C-alpha atoms as a PDB file:
ATOM      1  CA  MET A   1       0.733 104.502 -49.532  1.00  0.00           C
ATOM      2  CA  ALA A   2      -0.019 101.002 -50.008  1.00  0.00           C
ATOM      3  CA  GLU A   3       3.845 100.402 -49.662  1.00  0.00           C
ATOM      4  CA  ARG A   4       4.125 102.193 -46.294  1.00  0.00           C
ATOM      5  CA  ASP A   5       1.050 100.322 -44.958  1.00  0.00           C
ATOM      6  CA  GLY A   6       2.611  96.859 -46.035  1.00  0.00           C
ATOM      7  CA  GLU A   7       5.983  97.916 -44.510  1.00  0.00           C
ATOM      8  CA  ALA A   8       4.435  99.006 -41.305  1.00  0.00           C
ATOM      9  CA  LEU A   9       2.473  95.765 -41.217  1.00  0.00           C
ATOM     10  CA  ARG A  10       5.538  93.620 -41.631  1.00  0.00           C
ATOM     11  CA  LEU A  11       7.294  95.525 -38.918  1.00  0.00           C
ATOM     12  CA  ALA A  12       4.407  95.242 -36.519  1.00  0.00           C
ATOM     13  CA  PHE A  13       4.221  91.285 -37.411  1.00  0.00           C
ATOM     14  CA  THR A  14       7.954  90.851 -36.820  1.00  0.00           C
ATOM     15  CA  ALA A  15       7.926  92.561 -33.597  1.00  0.00           C
ATOM     16  CA  VAL A  16       5.060  90.378 -32.243  1.00  0.00           C
ATOM     17  CA  VAL A  17       6.805  87.083 -33.443  1.00  0.00           C
ATOM     18  CA  ASP A  18      10.138  88.169 -31.815  1.00  0.00           C
ATOM     19  CA  ALA A  19       8.691  89.707 -28.813  1.00  0.00           C
ATOM     20  CA  GLY A  20       8.514  86.479 -26.577  1.00  0.00           C
ATOM     21  CA  ALA A  21       9.296  82.658 -26.516  1.00  0.00           C
ATOM     22  CA  GLU A  22       6.922  80.074 -27.860  1.00  0.00           C
ATOM     23  CA  PRO A  23       4.710  78.469 -25.473  1.00  0.00           C
ATOM     24  CA  PRO A  24       5.614  74.873 -24.820  1.00  0.00           C
ATOM     25  CA  PHE A  25       3.737  72.377 -26.976  1.00  0.00           C
ATOM     26  CA  PRO A  26       3.796  68.981 -25.471  1.00  0.00           C
ATOM     27  CA  SER A  27       4.507  66.213 -28.249  1.00  0.00           C
ATOM     28  CA  LEU A  28       2.139  63.228 -29.151  1.00  0.00           C
ATOM     29  CA  ALA A  29       4.462  60.804 -27.970  1.00  0.00           C
ATOM     30  CA  ASP A  30       4.780  62.135 -24.634  1.00  0.00           C
ATOM     31  CA  ALA A  31       1.064  62.213 -24.130  1.00  0.00           C
ATOM     32  CA  ALA A  32       0.942  58.327 -25.388  1.00  0.00           C
ATOM     33  CA  VAL A  33       3.382  57.319 -22.811  1.00  0.00           C
ATOM     34  CA  THR A  34       1.666  59.092 -19.966  1.00  0.00           C
ATOM     35  CA  GLY A  35      -1.699  57.556 -20.743  1.00  0.00           C
ATOM     36  CA  GLY A  36      -0.014  53.897 -21.283  1.00  0.00           C
ATOM     37  CA  ARG A  37       1.225  54.447 -17.730  1.00  0.00           C
ATOM     38  CA  ARG A  38      -2.061  55.400 -16.351  1.00  0.00           C
ATOM     39  CA  LEU A  39      -3.615  52.299 -17.941  1.00  0.00           C
ATOM     40  CA  ARG A  40      -1.169  50.081 -16.624  1.00  0.00           C
ATOM     41  CA  ARG A  41      -1.535  51.531 -13.165  1.00  0.00           C
ATOM     42  CA  ARG A  42      -5.208  51.187 -13.286  1.00  0.00           C
ATOM     43  CA  ARG A  43      -5.177  47.826 -14.429  1.00  0.00           C
ATOM     44  CA  ALA A  44      -2.691  46.687 -11.812  1.00  0.00           C
ATOM     45  CA  ALA A  45      -4.870  48.281  -9.059  1.00  0.00           C
ATOM     46  CA  VAL A  46      -8.131  46.714 -10.492  1.00  0.00           C
ATOM     47  CA  SER A  47      -6.356  43.199 -10.636  1.00  0.00           C
ATOM     48  CA  ALA A  48      -5.224  43.535  -6.955  1.00  0.00           C
ATOM     49  CA  ALA A  49      -8.741  44.644  -5.891  1.00  0.00           C
ATOM     50  CA  GLY A  50     -10.214  41.628  -7.670  1.00  0.00           C
ATOM     51  CA  ALA A  51      -7.801  39.228  -6.197  1.00  0.00           C
ATOM     52  CA  LEU A  52      -8.495  40.708  -2.739  1.00  0.00           C
ATOM     53  CA  ALA A  53     -12.257  40.305  -3.030  1.00  0.00           C
ATOM     54  CA  LEU A  54     -11.724  36.732  -4.386  1.00  0.00           C
ATOM     55  CA  THR A  55      -9.787  35.878  -1.311  1.00  0.00           C
ATOM     56  CA  ALA A  56     -12.082  37.316   1.055  1.00  0.00           C
ATOM     57  CA  SER A  57     -14.897  35.877  -0.508  1.00  0.00           C
ATOM     58  CA  ALA A  58     -13.319  32.484  -0.404  1.00  0.00           C
ATOM     59  CA  VAL A  59     -12.354  32.809   3.368  1.00  0.00           C
ATOM     60  CA  VAL A  60     -16.031  33.819   4.285  1.00  0.00           C
ATOM     61  CA  LEU A  61     -17.388  30.936   2.280  1.00  0.00           C
ATOM     62  CA  ALA A  62     -14.970  28.529   4.074  1.00  0.00           C
ATOM     63  CA  LEU A  63     -15.686  29.956   7.515  1.00  0.00           C
ATOM     64  CA  ALA A  64     -19.490  29.763   6.897  1.00  0.00           C
ATOM     65  CA  LEU A  65     -19.094  25.935   5.434  1.00  0.00           C
ATOM     66  CA  GLY A  66     -17.125  25.058   8.606  1.00  0.00           C
ATOM     67  CA  ALA A  67     -19.497  26.390  11.211  1.00  0.00           C
ATOM     68  CA  GLY A  68     -22.347  24.266   9.743  1.00  0.00           C
ATOM     69  CA  PRO A  69     -24.715  22.565  12.352  1.00  0.00           C
ATOM     70  CA  GLY A  70     -22.258  19.461  12.316  1.00  0.00           C
ATOM     71  CA  THR A  71     -19.213  21.389  13.661  1.00  0.00           C
ATOM     72  CA  GLY A  72     -20.796  23.061  17.018  1.00  0.00           C
ATOM     73  CA  ARG A  73     -20.768  21.214  20.344  1.00  0.00           C
ATOM     74  CA  THR A  74     -22.561  18.106  20.551  1.00  0.00           C
ATOM     75  CA  SER A  75     -23.684  16.524  23.584  1.00  0.00           C
ATOM     76  CA  LEU A  76     -22.310  13.129  24.263  1.00  0.00           C
ATOM     77  CA  PRO A  77     -24.513  10.352  26.027  1.00  0.00           C
ATOM     78  CA  PRO A  78     -23.234   9.764  29.605  1.00  0.00           C
ATOM     79  CA  ALA A  79     -20.653   7.082  29.886  1.00  0.00           C
ATOM     80  CA  HIS A  80     -21.784   3.702  31.085  1.00  0.00           C
ATOM     81  CA  THR A  81     -20.498   2.831  34.583  1.00  0.00           C
ATOM     82  CA  GLY A  82     -21.131  -0.067  36.585  1.00  0.00           C
ATOM     83  CA  SER A  83     -23.716  -2.773  35.932  1.00  0.00           C
ATOM     84  CA  PRO A  84     -26.345  -2.527  33.025  1.00  0.00           C
ATOM     85  CA  GLY A  85     -29.693  -1.386  33.865  1.00  0.00           C
ATOM     86  CA  PRO A  86     -32.632  -3.477  34.955  1.00  0.00           C
ATOM     87  CA  HIS A  87     -33.560  -4.561  31.422  1.00  0.00           C
ATOM     88  CA  PRO A  88     -30.570  -5.744  29.512  1.00  0.00           C
ATOM     89  CA  ALA A  89     -30.918  -6.085  25.947  1.00  0.00           C
ATOM     90  CA  SER A  90     -32.133  -9.509  24.602  1.00  0.00           C
ATOM     91  CA  PRO A  91     -29.547 -11.524  22.324  1.00  0.00           C
ATOM     92  CA  SER A  92     -32.200 -11.856  19.739  1.00  0.00           C
ATOM     93  CA  ALA A  93     -32.617  -7.902  19.124  1.00  0.00           C
ATOM     94  CA  ALA A  94     -28.989  -8.170  17.755  1.00  0.00           C
ATOM     95  CA  THR A  95     -29.811 -10.907  15.094  1.00  0.00           C
ATOM     96  CA  PRO A  96     -31.874  -9.890  12.125  1.00  0.00           C
ATOM     97  CA  MET A  97     -34.704 -12.139  11.409  1.00  0.00           C
ATOM     98  CA  PRO A  98     -35.246 -13.954   7.818  1.00  0.00           C
ATOM     99  CA  LEU A  99     -37.984 -12.760   5.764  1.00  0.00           C
ATOM    100  CA  PRO A 100     -41.002 -15.138   4.968  1.00  0.00           C
ATOM    101  CA  SER A 101     -40.504 -16.577   1.638  1.00  0.00           C
ATOM    102  CA  VAL A 102     -43.180 -16.091  -0.850  1.00  0.00           C
ATOM    103  CA  PRO A 103     -44.171 -19.339  -2.947  1.00  0.00           C
ATOM    104  CA  SER A 104     -43.862 -18.508  -6.704  1.00  0.00           C
ATOM    105  CA  ALA A 105     -46.523 -19.116  -8.975  1.00  0.00           C
ATOM    106  CA  PRO A 106     -46.012 -21.630 -11.767  1.00  0.00           C
ATOM    107  CA  SER A 107     -45.671 -20.080 -15.298  1.00  0.00           C
ATOM    108  CA  ARG A 108     -48.606 -20.553 -17.428  1.00  0.00           C
ATOM    109  CA  VAL A 109     -47.831 -20.520 -21.259  1.00  0.00           C
ATOM    110  CA  PRO A 110     -50.559 -21.059 -23.566  1.00  0.00           C
ATOM    111  CA  GLY A 111     -50.500 -24.626 -24.992  1.00  0.00           C
ATOM    112  CA  ALA A 112     -47.637 -25.682 -22.564  1.00  0.00           C
ATOM    113  CA  GLU A 113     -49.747 -28.589 -21.251  1.00  0.00           C
ATOM    114  CA  ARG A 114     -50.539 -29.792 -24.696  1.00  0.00           C
ATOM    115  CA  ARG A 115     -46.930 -29.475 -25.906  1.00  0.00           C
ATOM    116  CA  ALA A 116     -45.686 -31.522 -22.729  1.00  0.00           C
ATOM    117  CA  ALA A 117     -48.422 -34.353 -23.042  1.00  0.00           C
ATOM    118  CA  SER A 118     -47.464 -34.703 -26.915  1.00  0.00           C
ATOM    119  CA  ALA A 119     -43.676 -34.895 -25.904  1.00  0.00           C
ATOM    120  CA  GLY A 120     -44.317 -37.600 -23.514  1.00  0.00           C
ATOM    121  CA  ARG A 121     -46.042 -39.691 -26.130  1.00  0.00           C
ATOM    122  CA  HIS A 122     -43.045 -40.001 -28.553  1.00  0.00           C
END
């Protein structure tokens, strides 16, 4: 009986194996190539987004610095037409005045008088 059971089991196993085609089994190399493409695409997208953000921030910074207080409209004094006003500026106001000089104090070195007096005797 064991022989019949073994024979029946072998026929059943052969029928199962021969019944249909094997399912597709992807290779490891195909998965690696696909993953590499995905990484390259992601890296390119992140690089492009970074460059775009850097350019946008540079433009905003340039516009912010360019629109400072010195670049807006400034009011200019009215143009001088005709004769000057009733009080013309005096010519002495345009020339600078010299500063008063401060007298320098004589230097006091201990024993300098004695040395000078003894030097005159020789």
